PDB file of N, CA and C in Angstrom:
ATOM      1  N   MET A   1       0.834  -1.161   0.000  1.00  0.00           N
ATOM      2  CA  MET A   1       0.000   0.000   0.000  1.00  0.00           C
ATOM      3  C   MET A   1       0.890   1.239   0.000  1.00  0.00           C
ATOM      4  N   ALA A   2       0.452   2.258  -0.703  1.00  0.00           N
ATOM      5  CA  ALA A   2       1.322   3.425  -0.893  1.00  0.00           C
ATOM      6  C   ALA A   2       0.559   4.717  -0.678  1.00  0.00           C
ATOM      7  N   ARG A   3       1.314   5.720  -0.319  1.00  0.00           N
ATOM      8  CA  ARG A   3       0.777   7.081  -0.190  1.00  0.00           C
ATOM      9  C   ARG A   3       1.704   7.992  -0.976  1.00  0.00           C
ATOM     10  N   ILE A   4       1.156   8.712  -1.954  1.00  0.00           N
ATOM     11  CA  ILE A   4       1.953   9.535  -2.844  1.00  0.00           C
ATOM     12  C   ILE A   4       1.410  10.955  -2.835  1.00  0.00           C
ATOM     13  N   ALA A   5       2.301  11.937  -2.857  1.00  0.00           N
ATOM     14  CA  ALA A   5       1.905  13.347  -2.890  1.00  0.00           C
ATOM     15  C   ALA A   5       2.059  13.887  -4.306  1.00  0.00           C
ATOM     16  N   LEU A   6       1.021  14.551  -4.795  1.00  0.00           N
ATOM     17  CA  LEU A   6       1.049  15.187  -6.111  1.00  0.00           C
ATOM     18  C   LEU A   6       0.597  16.634  -5.974  1.00  0.00           C
ATOM     19  N   ASP A   7       1.300  17.534  -6.661  1.00  0.00           N
ATOM     20  CA  ASP A   7       0.900  18.933  -6.687  1.00  0.00           C
ATOM     21  C   ASP A   7      -0.085  19.140  -7.838  1.00  0.00           C
ATOM     22  N   ALA A   8      -1.124  19.882  -7.566  1.00  0.00           N
ATOM     23  CA  ALA A   8      -2.167  20.127  -8.560  1.00  0.00           C
ATOM     24  C   ALA A   8      -2.222  21.598  -8.915  1.00  0.00           C
ATOM     25  N   GLN A   9      -2.672  21.861 -10.126  1.00  0.00           N
ATOM     26  CA  GLN A   9      -2.952  23.222 -10.558  1.00  0.00           C
ATOM     27  C   GLN A   9      -4.461  23.334 -10.761  1.00  0.00           C
ATOM     28  N   THR A  10      -5.036  24.420 -10.311  1.00  0.00           N
ATOM     29  CA  THR A  10      -6.468  24.646 -10.480  1.00  0.00           C
ATOM     30  C   THR A  10      -6.762  24.953 -11.940  1.00  0.00           C
ATOM     31  N   ARG A  11      -7.848  24.351 -12.458  1.00  0.00           N
ATOM     32  CA  ARG A  11      -8.279  24.619 -13.829  1.00  0.00           C
ATOM     33  C   ARG A  11      -9.444  25.592 -13.806  1.00  0.00           C
ATOM     34  N   THR A  12      -9.412  26.558 -14.710  1.00  0.00           N
ATOM     35  CA  THR A  12     -10.522  27.492 -14.835  1.00  0.00           C
ATOM     36  C   THR A  12     -11.208  27.362 -16.192  1.00  0.00           C
ATOM     37  N   ASP A  13     -10.520  26.760 -17.160  1.00  0.00           N
ATOM     38  CA  ASP A  13     -11.101  26.542 -18.487  1.00  0.00           C
ATOM     39  C   ASP A  13     -11.635  25.122 -18.567  1.00  0.00           C
ATOM     40  N   PHE A  14     -12.824  24.975 -19.173  1.00  0.00           N
ATOM     41  CA  PHE A  14     -13.453  23.677 -19.251  1.00  0.00           C
ATOM     42  C   PHE A  14     -13.831  23.377 -20.693  1.00  0.00           C
ATOM     43  N   GLY A  15     -14.177  22.142 -20.956  1.00  0.00           N
ATOM     44  CA  GLY A  15     -14.597  21.746 -22.287  1.00  0.00           C
ATOM     45  C   GLY A  15     -13.529  20.942 -22.996  1.00  0.00           C
ATOM     46  N   LYS A  16     -13.890  20.452 -24.162  1.00  0.00           N
ATOM     47  CA  LYS A  16     -13.011  19.576 -24.932  1.00  0.00           C
ATOM     48  C   LYS A  16     -11.715  20.272 -25.341  1.00  0.00           C
ATOM     49  N   GLY A  17     -11.825  21.498 -25.830  1.00  0.00           N
ATOM     50  CA  GLY A  17     -10.628  22.225 -26.290  1.00  0.00           C
ATOM     51  C   GLY A  17      -9.663  22.508 -25.154  1.00  0.00           C
ATOM     52  N   ALA A  18     -10.189  22.917 -24.016  1.00  0.00           N
ATOM     53  CA  ALA A  18      -9.343  23.203 -22.860  1.00  0.00           C
ATOM     54  C   ALA A  18      -8.683  21.932 -22.338  1.00  0.00           C
ATOM     55  N   ALA A  19      -9.421  20.821 -22.347  1.00  0.00           N
ATOM     56  CA  ALA A  19      -8.862  19.545 -21.891  1.00  0.00           C
ATOM     57  C   ALA A  19      -7.736  19.091 -22.821  1.00  0.00           C
ATOM     58  N   ARG A  20      -7.925  19.273 -24.105  1.00  0.00           N
ATOM     59  CA  ARG A  20      -6.875  18.900 -25.072  1.00  0.00           C
ATOM     60  C   ARG A  20      -5.629  19.755 -24.868  1.00  0.00           C
ATOM     61  N   GLN A  21      -5.832  21.028 -24.616  1.00  0.00           N
ATOM     62  CA  GLN A  21      -4.715  21.942 -24.372  1.00  0.00           C
ATOM     63  C   GLN A  21      -3.953  21.520 -23.106  1.00  0.00           C
ATOM     64  N   THR A  22      -4.681  21.130 -22.085  1.00  0.00           N
ATOM     65  CA  THR A  22      -4.074  20.672 -20.833  1.00  0.00           C
ATOM     66  C   THR A  22      -3.241  19.418 -21.085  1.00  0.00           C
ATOM     67  N   ARG A  23      -3.777  18.472 -21.868  1.00  0.00           N
ATOM     68  CA  ARG A  23      -3.041  17.237 -22.165  1.00  0.00           C
ATOM     69  C   ARG A  23      -1.794  17.508 -22.995  1.00  0.00           C
ATOM     70  N   ARG A  24      -1.885  18.447 -23.932  1.00  0.00           N
ATOM     71  CA  ARG A  24      -0.700  18.794 -24.741  1.00  0.00           C
ATOM     72  C   ARG A  24       0.411  19.375 -23.871  1.00  0.00           C
ATOM     73  N   ALA A  25       0.034  20.011 -22.777  1.00  0.00           N
ATOM     74  CA  ALA A  25       1.006  20.601 -21.853  1.00  0.00           C
ATOM     75  C   ALA A  25       1.595  19.556 -20.901  1.00  0.00           C
ATOM     76  N   GLY A  26       1.220  18.275 -21.069  1.00  0.00           N
ATOM     77  CA  GLY A  26       1.774  17.215 -20.236  1.00  0.00           C
ATOM     78  C   GLY A  26       1.049  17.031 -18.919  1.00  0.00           C
ATOM     79  N   ARG A  27      -0.180  17.498 -18.847  1.00  0.00           N
ATOM     80  CA  ARG A  27      -0.955  17.392 -17.617  1.00  0.00           C
ATOM     81  C   ARG A  27      -2.263  16.650 -17.902  1.00  0.00           C
ATOM     82  N   THR A  28      -2.844  16.062 -16.878  1.00  0.00           N
ATOM     83  CA  THR A  28      -4.091  15.322 -17.004  1.00  0.00           C
ATOM     84  C   THR A  28      -5.194  16.048 -16.251  1.00  0.00           C
ATOM     85  N   PRO A  29      -6.318  16.343 -16.907  1.00  0.00           N
ATOM     86  CA  PRO A  29      -7.441  16.969 -16.211  1.00  0.00           C
ATOM     87  C   PRO A  29      -8.013  16.009 -15.159  1.00  0.00           C
ATOM     88  N   ALA A  30      -8.437  16.573 -14.040  1.00  0.00           N
ATOM     89  CA  ALA A  30      -9.007  15.761 -12.959  1.00  0.00           C
ATOM     90  C   ALA A  30     -10.021  16.579 -12.177  1.00  0.00           C
ATOM     91  N   VAL A  31     -10.865  15.865 -11.425  1.00  0.00           N
ATOM     92  CA  VAL A  31     -11.836  16.489 -10.534  1.00  0.00           C
ATOM     93  C   VAL A  31     -11.659  15.852  -9.163  1.00  0.00           C
ATOM     94  N   VAL A  32     -11.609  16.685  -8.126  1.00  0.00           N
ATOM     95  CA  VAL A  32     -11.569  16.220  -6.743  1.00  0.00           C
ATOM     96  C   VAL A  32     -12.913  16.582  -6.132  1.00  0.00           C
ATOM     97  N   TYR A  33     -13.607  15.587  -5.577  1.00  0.00           N
ATOM     98  CA  TYR A  33     -14.906  15.874  -4.977  1.00  0.00           C
ATOM     99  C   TYR A  33     -15.126  15.023  -3.738  1.00  0.00           C
ATOM    100  N   GLY A  34     -16.070  15.462  -2.939  1.00  0.00           N
ATOM    101  CA  GLY A  34     -16.403  14.781  -1.693  1.00  0.00           C
ATOM    102  C   GLY A  34     -16.198  15.729  -0.525  1.00  0.00           C
ATOM    103  N   ALA A  35     -16.769  15.387   0.607  1.00  0.00           N
ATOM    104  CA  ALA A  35     -16.668  16.191   1.823  1.00  0.00           C
ATOM    105  C   ALA A  35     -17.126  17.633   1.576  1.00  0.00           C
ATOM    106  N   GLY A  36     -18.129  17.803   0.718  1.00  0.00           N
ATOM    107  CA  GLY A  36     -18.693  19.121   0.468  1.00  0.00           C
ATOM    108  C   GLY A  36     -17.859  20.024  -0.427  1.00  0.00           C
ATOM    109  N   THR A  37     -16.851  19.476  -1.114  1.00  0.00           N
ATOM    110  CA  THR A  37     -15.995  20.286  -1.977  1.00  0.00           C
ATOM    111  C   THR A  37     -15.910  19.678  -3.371  1.00  0.00           C
ATOM    112  N   THR A  38     -15.682  20.529  -4.345  1.00  0.00           N
ATOM    113  CA  THR A  38     -15.415  20.092  -5.714  1.00  0.00           C
ATOM    114  C   THR A  38     -14.379  21.025  -6.308  1.00  0.00           C
ATOM    115  N   PHE A  39     -13.288  20.447  -6.834  1.00  0.00           N
ATOM    116  CA  PHE A  39     -12.219  21.218  -7.465  1.00  0.00           C
ATOM    117  C   PHE A  39     -11.915  20.625  -8.825  1.00  0.00           C
ATOM    118  N   HIS A  40     -11.739  21.479  -9.809  1.00  0.00           N
ATOM    119  CA  HIS A  40     -11.276  21.051 -11.118  1.00  0.00           C
ATOM    120  C   HIS A  40      -9.786  21.360 -11.165  1.00  0.00           C
ATOM    121  N   ILE A  41      -8.977  20.323 -11.376  1.00  0.00           N
ATOM    122  CA  ILE A  41      -7.524  20.479 -11.317  1.00  0.00           C
ATOM    123  C   ILE A  41      -6.861  19.798 -12.496  1.00  0.00           C
ATOM    124  N   SER A  42      -5.550  19.965 -12.593  1.00  0.00           N
ATOM    125  CA  SER A  42      -4.749  19.183 -13.525  1.00  0.00           C
ATOM    126  C   SER A  42      -3.538  18.670 -12.765  1.00  0.00           C
ATOM    127  N   LEU A  43      -3.114  17.453 -13.122  1.00  0.00           N
ATOM    128  CA  LEU A  43      -1.973  16.796 -12.487  1.00  0.00           C
ATOM    129  C   LEU A  43      -0.941  16.467 -13.543  1.00  0.00           C
ATOM    130  N   ASP A  44       0.328  16.414 -13.159  1.00  0.00           N
ATOM    131  CA  ASP A  44       1.382  16.019 -14.079  1.00  0.00           C
ATOM    132  C   ASP A  44       1.095  14.599 -14.565  1.00  0.00           C
ATOM    133  N   SER A  45       1.012  14.410 -15.884  1.00  0.00           N
ATOM    134  CA  SER A  45       0.612  13.133 -16.456  1.00  0.00           C
ATOM    135  C   SER A  45       1.571  12.005 -16.095  1.00  0.00           C
ATOM    136  N   HIS A  46       2.862  12.254 -16.197  1.00  0.00           N
ATOM    137  CA  HIS A  46       3.848  11.205 -15.915  1.00  0.00           C
ATOM    138  C   HIS A  46       3.769  10.760 -14.460  1.00  0.00           C
ATOM    139  N   ASP A  47       3.729  11.720 -13.538  1.00  0.00           N
ATOM    140  CA  ASP A  47       3.649  11.389 -12.115  1.00  0.00           C
ATOM    141  C   ASP A  47       2.362  10.630 -11.795  1.00  0.00           C
ATOM    142  N   LEU A  48       1.259  11.016 -12.424  1.00  0.00           N
ATOM    143  CA  LEU A  48      -0.022  10.355 -12.192  1.00  0.00           C
ATOM    144  C   LEU A  48       0.011   8.906 -12.673  1.00  0.00           C
ATOM    145  N   VAL A  49       0.544   8.676 -13.867  1.00  0.00           N
ATOM    146  CA  VAL A  49       0.625   7.315 -14.408  1.00  0.00           C
ATOM    147  C   VAL A  49       1.472   6.434 -13.495  1.00  0.00           C
ATOM    148  N   GLN A  50       2.611   6.955 -13.053  1.00  0.00           N
ATOM    149  CA  GLN A  50       3.477   6.182 -12.164  1.00  0.00           C
ATOM    150  C   GLN A  50       2.769   5.883 -10.841  1.00  0.00           C
ATOM    151  N   ALA A  51       2.031   6.837 -10.308  1.00  0.00           N
ATOM    152  CA  ALA A  51       1.333   6.652  -9.038  1.00  0.00           C
ATOM    153  C   ALA A  51       0.230   5.607  -9.157  1.00  0.00           C
ATOM    154  N   LEU A  52      -0.515   5.639 -10.259  1.00  0.00           N
ATOM    155  CA  LEU A  52      -1.666   4.745 -10.409  1.00  0.00           C
ATOM    156  C   LEU A  52      -1.263   3.292 -10.649  1.00  0.00           C
ATOM    157  N   LYS A  53       0.003   3.012 -10.827  1.00  0.00           N
ATOM    158  CA  LYS A  53       0.469   1.632 -10.981  1.00  0.00           C
ATOM    159  C   LYS A  53       0.455   0.880  -9.653  1.00  0.00           C
ATOM    160  N   LYS A  54       0.346   1.598  -8.554  1.00  0.00           N
ATOM    161  CA  LYS A  54       0.392   0.990  -7.221  1.00  0.00           C
ATOM    162  C   LYS A  54      -1.010   0.631  -6.748  1.00  0.00           C
ATOM    163  N   LYS A  55      -1.127  -0.475  -6.021  1.00  0.00           N
ATOM    164  CA  LYS A  55      -2.407  -0.933  -5.472  1.00  0.00           C
ATOM    165  C   LYS A  55      -2.675  -0.252  -4.134  1.00  0.00           C
ATOM    166  N   GLY A  56      -3.930  -0.056  -3.800  1.00  0.00           N
ATOM    167  CA  GLY A  56      -4.312   0.519  -2.519  1.00  0.00           C
ATOM    168  C   GLY A  56      -3.756   1.913  -2.300  1.00  0.00           C
ATOM    169  N   LEU A  57      -3.688   2.674  -3.355  1.00  0.00           N
ATOM    170  CA  LEU A  57      -3.021   3.969  -3.350  1.00  0.00           C
ATOM    171  C   LEU A  57      -3.861   5.058  -2.693  1.00  0.00           C
ATOM    172  N   VAL A  58      -3.199   5.888  -1.878  1.00  0.00           N
ATOM    173  CA  VAL A  58      -3.785   7.122  -1.364  1.00  0.00           C
ATOM    174  C   VAL A  58      -2.965   8.251  -1.962  1.00  0.00           C
ATOM    175  N   ILE A  59      -3.632   9.144  -2.688  1.00  0.00           N
ATOM    176  CA  ILE A  59      -2.951  10.260  -3.337  1.00  0.00           C
ATOM    177  C   ILE A  59      -3.217  11.519  -2.523  1.00  0.00           C
ATOM    178  N   ASP A  60      -2.152  12.120  -2.003  1.00  0.00           N
ATOM    179  CA  ASP A  60      -2.270  13.389  -1.285  1.00  0.00           C
ATOM    180  C   ASP A  60      -2.130  14.503  -2.318  1.00  0.00           C
ATOM    181  N   VAL A  61      -3.246  15.168  -2.624  1.00  0.00           N
ATOM    182  CA  VAL A  61      -3.278  16.222  -3.633  1.00  0.00           C
ATOM    183  C   VAL A  61      -3.221  17.573  -2.920  1.00  0.00           C
ATOM    184  N   THR A  62      -2.251  18.394  -3.302  1.00  0.00           N
ATOM    185  CA  THR A  62      -2.117  19.726  -2.731  1.00  0.00           C
ATOM    186  C   THR A  62      -2.709  20.743  -3.702  1.00  0.00           C
ATOM    187  N   ILE A  63      -3.752  21.451  -3.245  1.00  0.00           N
ATOM    188  CA  ILE A  63      -4.440  22.452  -4.053  1.00  0.00           C
ATOM    189  C   ILE A  63      -4.397  23.767  -3.293  1.00  0.00           C
ATOM    190  N   ASP A  64      -3.723  24.743  -3.842  1.00  0.00           N
ATOM    191  CA  ASP A  64      -3.639  26.075  -3.227  1.00  0.00           C
ATOM    192  C   ASP A  64      -3.219  26.010  -1.750  1.00  0.00           C
ATOM    193  N   GLY A  65      -2.235  25.186  -1.439  1.00  0.00           N
ATOM    194  CA  GLY A  65      -1.705  25.100  -0.086  1.00  0.00           C
ATOM    195  C   GLY A  65      -2.441  24.158   0.851  1.00  0.00           C
ATOM    196  N   THR A  66      -3.555  23.591   0.421  1.00  0.00           N
ATOM    197  CA  THR A  66      -4.313  22.655   1.238  1.00  0.00           C
ATOM    198  C   THR A  66      -4.148  21.252   0.664  1.00  0.00           C
ATOM    199  N   THR A  67      -3.880  20.285   1.529  1.00  0.00           N
ATOM    200  CA  THR A  67      -3.674  18.906   1.087  1.00  0.00           C
ATOM    201  C   THR A  67      -4.902  18.062   1.405  1.00  0.00           C
ATOM    202  N   TYR A  68      -5.343  17.287   0.414  1.00  0.00           N
ATOM    203  CA  TYR A  68      -6.482  16.396   0.552  1.00  0.00           C
ATOM    204  C   TYR A  68      -6.023  14.967   0.292  1.00  0.00           C
ATOM    205  N   ALA A  69      -6.398  14.041   1.170  1.00  0.00           N
ATOM    206  CA  ALA A  69      -6.150  12.620   0.936  1.00  0.00           C
ATOM    207  C   ALA A  69      -7.252  12.140  -0.003  1.00  0.00           C
ATOM    208  N   THR A  70      -6.877  11.542  -1.127  1.00  0.00           N
ATOM    209  CA  THR A  70      -7.858  11.118  -2.126  1.00  0.00           C
ATOM    210  C   THR A  70      -7.534   9.716  -2.623  1.00  0.00           C
ATOM    211  N   ARG A  71      -8.500   9.158  -3.347  1.00  0.00           N
ATOM    212  CA  ARG A  71      -8.271   7.913  -4.072  1.00  0.00           C
ATOM    213  C   ARG A  71      -8.949   8.044  -5.433  1.00  0.00           C
ATOM    214  N   ALA A  72      -8.463   7.303  -6.401  1.00  0.00           N
ATOM    215  CA  ALA A  72      -9.037   7.355  -7.746  1.00  0.00           C
ATOM    216  C   ALA A  72     -10.391   6.657  -7.732  1.00  0.00           C
ATOM    217  N   ARG A  73     -11.407   7.348  -8.208  1.00  0.00           N
ATOM    218  CA  ARG A  73     -12.754   6.786  -8.282  1.00  0.00           C
ATOM    219  C   ARG A  73     -13.048   6.293  -9.689  1.00  0.00           C
ATOM    220  N   ASP A  74     -12.622   7.073 -10.681  1.00  0.00           N
ATOM    221  CA  ASP A  74     -12.858   6.718 -12.079  1.00  0.00           C
ATOM    222  C   ASP A  74     -11.685   7.207 -12.906  1.00  0.00           C
ATOM    223  N   ILE A  75     -11.186   6.351 -13.776  1.00  0.00           N
ATOM    224  CA  ILE A  75     -10.078   6.702 -14.660  1.00  0.00           C
ATOM    225  C   ILE A  75     -10.559   6.496 -16.089  1.00  0.00           C
ATOM    226  N   GLN A  76     -10.552   7.568 -16.880  1.00  0.00           N
ATOM    227  CA  GLN A  76     -10.972   7.471 -18.279  1.00  0.00           C
ATOM    228  C   GLN A  76      -9.741   7.411 -19.155  1.00  0.00           C
ATOM    229  N   LYS A  77      -9.672   6.362 -19.996  1.00  0.00           N
ATOM    230  CA  LYS A  77      -8.516   6.174 -20.873  1.00  0.00           C
ATOM    231  C   LYS A  77      -8.944   6.234 -22.333  1.00  0.00           C
ATOM    232  N   ASP A  78      -8.015   6.696 -23.163  1.00  0.00           N
ATOM    233  CA  ASP A  78      -8.216   6.661 -24.601  1.00  0.00           C
ATOM    234  C   ASP A  78      -8.107   5.196 -25.028  1.00  0.00           C
ATOM    235  N   PRO A  79      -9.098   4.645 -25.731  1.00  0.00           N
ATOM    236  CA  PRO A  79      -9.070   3.225 -26.068  1.00  0.00           C
ATOM    237  C   PRO A  79      -7.994   2.845 -27.088  1.00  0.00           C
ATOM    238  N   VAL A  80      -7.539   3.790 -27.884  1.00  0.00           N
ATOM    239  CA  VAL A  80      -6.530   3.482 -28.896  1.00  0.00           C
ATOM    240  C   VAL A  80      -5.121   3.688 -28.357  1.00  0.00           C
ATOM    241  N   ARG A  81      -4.855   4.860 -27.782  1.00  0.00           N
ATOM    242  CA  ARG A  81      -3.503   5.180 -27.299  1.00  0.00           C
ATOM    243  C   ARG A  81      -3.245   4.664 -25.891  1.00  0.00           C
ATOM    244  N   ASN A  82      -4.311   4.251 -25.178  1.00  0.00           N
ATOM    245  CA  ASN A  82      -4.213   3.750 -23.809  1.00  0.00           C
ATOM    246  C   ASN A  82      -3.597   4.774 -22.865  1.00  0.00           C
ATOM    247  N   GLU A  83      -3.885   6.050 -23.105  1.00  0.00           N
ATOM    248  CA  GLU A  83      -3.413   7.124 -22.249  1.00  0.00           C
ATOM    249  C   GLU A  83      -4.569   7.612 -21.385  1.00  0.00           C
ATOM    250  N   ILE A  84      -4.246   8.056 -20.181  1.00  0.00           N
ATOM    251  CA  ILE A  84      -5.278   8.562 -19.279  1.00  0.00           C
ATOM    252  C   ILE A  84      -5.756   9.921 -19.783  1.00  0.00           C
ATOM    253  N   GLU A  85      -7.074  10.051 -19.937  1.00  0.00           N
ATOM    254  CA  GLU A  85      -7.662  11.303 -20.404  1.00  0.00           C
ATOM    255  C   GLU A  85      -8.222  12.144 -19.264  1.00  0.00           C
ATOM    256  N   HIS A  86      -8.705  11.492 -18.204  1.00  0.00           N
ATOM    257  CA  HIS A  86      -9.337  12.219 -17.099  1.00  0.00           C
ATOM    258  C   HIS A  86      -9.408  11.304 -15.885  1.00  0.00           C
ATOM    259  N   VAL A  87      -9.305  11.893 -14.696  1.00  0.00           N
ATOM    260  CA  VAL A  87      -9.381  11.127 -13.450  1.00  0.00           C
ATOM    261  C   VAL A  87     -10.342  11.816 -12.490  1.00  0.00           C
ATOM    262  N   ASP A  88     -11.199  11.025 -11.857  1.00  0.00           N
ATOM    263  CA  ASP A  88     -12.044  11.515 -10.769  1.00  0.00           C
ATOM    264  C   ASP A  88     -11.420  11.032  -9.475  1.00  0.00           C
ATOM    265  N   LEU A  89     -11.153  11.958  -8.561  1.00  0.00           N
ATOM    266  CA  LEU A  89     -10.582  11.630  -7.256  1.00  0.00           C
ATOM    267  C   LEU A  89     -11.594  11.955  -6.179  1.00  0.00           C
ATOM    268  N   ILE A  90     -11.767  11.053  -5.235  1.00  0.00           N
ATOM    269  CA  ILE A  90     -12.712  11.275  -4.145  1.00  0.00           C
ATOM    270  C   ILE A  90     -11.927  11.530  -2.862  1.00  0.00           C
ATOM    271  N   VAL A  91     -12.380  12.517  -2.094  1.00  0.00           N
ATOM    272  CA  VAL A  91     -11.706  12.902  -0.851  1.00  0.00           C
ATOM    273  C   VAL A  91     -11.972  11.847   0.218  1.00  0.00           C
ATOM    274  N   LEU A  92     -10.920  11.473   0.939  1.00  0.00           N
ATOM    275  CA  LEU A  92     -11.010  10.511   2.031  1.00  0.00           C
ATOM    276  C   LEU A  92     -10.780  11.220   3.360  1.00  0.00           C
ATOM    277  N   THR A  93     -11.416  10.722   4.411  1.00  0.00           N
ATOM    278  CA  THR A  93     -11.058  11.193   5.745  1.00  0.00           C
ATOM    279  C   THR A  93      -9.729  10.538   6.113  1.00  0.00           C
ATOM    280  N   GLU A  94      -9.072  11.038   7.120  1.00  0.00           N
ATOM    281  CA  GLU A  94      -7.787  10.457   7.511  1.00  0.00           C
ATOM    282  C   GLU A  94      -7.968   9.010   7.978  1.00  0.00           C
ATOM    283  N   GLU A  95      -9.090   8.697   8.607  1.00  0.00           N
ATOM    284  CA  GLU A  95      -9.360   7.319   9.040  1.00  0.00           C
ATOM    285  C   GLU A  95      -9.514   6.395   7.836  1.00  0.00           C
ATOM    286  N   GLN A  96     -10.231   6.861   6.807  1.00  0.00           N
ATOM    287  CA  GLN A  96     -10.392   6.071   5.589  1.00  0.00           C
ATOM    288  C   GLN A  96      -9.050   5.861   4.897  1.00  0.00           C
ATOM    289  N   ALA A  97      -8.221   6.905   4.872  1.00  0.00           N
ATOM    290  CA  ALA A  97      -6.904   6.801   4.241  1.00  0.00           C
ATOM    291  C   ALA A  97      -6.035   5.781   4.977  1.00  0.00           C
ATOM    292  N   GLN A  98      -6.040   5.808   6.304  1.00  0.00           N
ATOM    293  CA  GLN A  98      -5.243   4.861   7.082  1.00  0.00           C
ATOM    294  C   GLN A  98      -5.750   3.435   6.883  1.00  0.00           C
ATOM    295  N   ALA A  99      -7.069   3.248   6.828  1.00  0.00           N
ATOM    296  CA  ALA A  99      -7.632   1.921   6.602  1.00  0.00           C
ATOM    297  C   ALA A  99      -7.256   1.400   5.221  1.00  0.00           C
ATOM    298  N   ARG A 100      -7.272   2.280   4.228  1.00  0.00           N
ATOM    299  CA  ARG A 100      -6.899   1.885   2.865  1.00  0.00           C
ATOM    300  C   ARG A 100      -5.433   1.480   2.806  1.00  0.00           C
ATOM    301  N   LEU A 101      -4.578   2.216   3.513  1.00  0.00           N
ATOM    302  CA  LEU A 101      -3.152   1.889   3.543  1.00  0.00           C
ATOM    303  C   LEU A 101      -2.889   0.585   4.290  1.00  0.00           C
ATOM    304  N   ALA A 102      -3.720   0.299   5.280  1.00  0.00           N
ATOM    305  CA  ALA A 102      -3.553  -0.934   6.065  1.00  0.00           C
ATOM    306  C   ALA A 102      -4.103  -2.137   5.325  1.00  0.00           C
ATOM    307  N   GLY A 103      -4.853  -1.895   4.245  1.00  0.00           N
ATOM    308  CA  GLY A 103      -5.388  -2.991   3.448  1.00  0.00           C
ATOM    309  C   GLY A 103      -6.749  -3.472   3.891  1.00  0.00           C
ATOM    310  N   ALA A 104      -7.384  -2.732   4.768  1.00  0.00           N
ATOM    311  CA  ALA A 104      -8.704  -3.143   5.263  1.00  0.00           C
ATOM    312  C   ALA A 104      -9.797  -2.768   4.303  1.00  0.00           C
TER     313      ALA A 104
END
């Protein structure tokens, strides 16, 4: 079980064109939601791919100085290139994160 920290950038542009522009810049569009919050962010594509190779992963996402413990809820991949197009991350409480790391 692993815990990985990733820095996120807030996204303000939405839609297909903005998502394509984000991917060309080497970043993956993502949404963080849960616990009464929703953030549209982008993550470094290479770091995200490397992180998602691990089982039972808790991703600590830092957004504007605040860190959220999250886990991947949905990963959308391009069926031809097999590249990640978008990730949904759900916020975990610290107890949920510890249980996930312990394998429970």
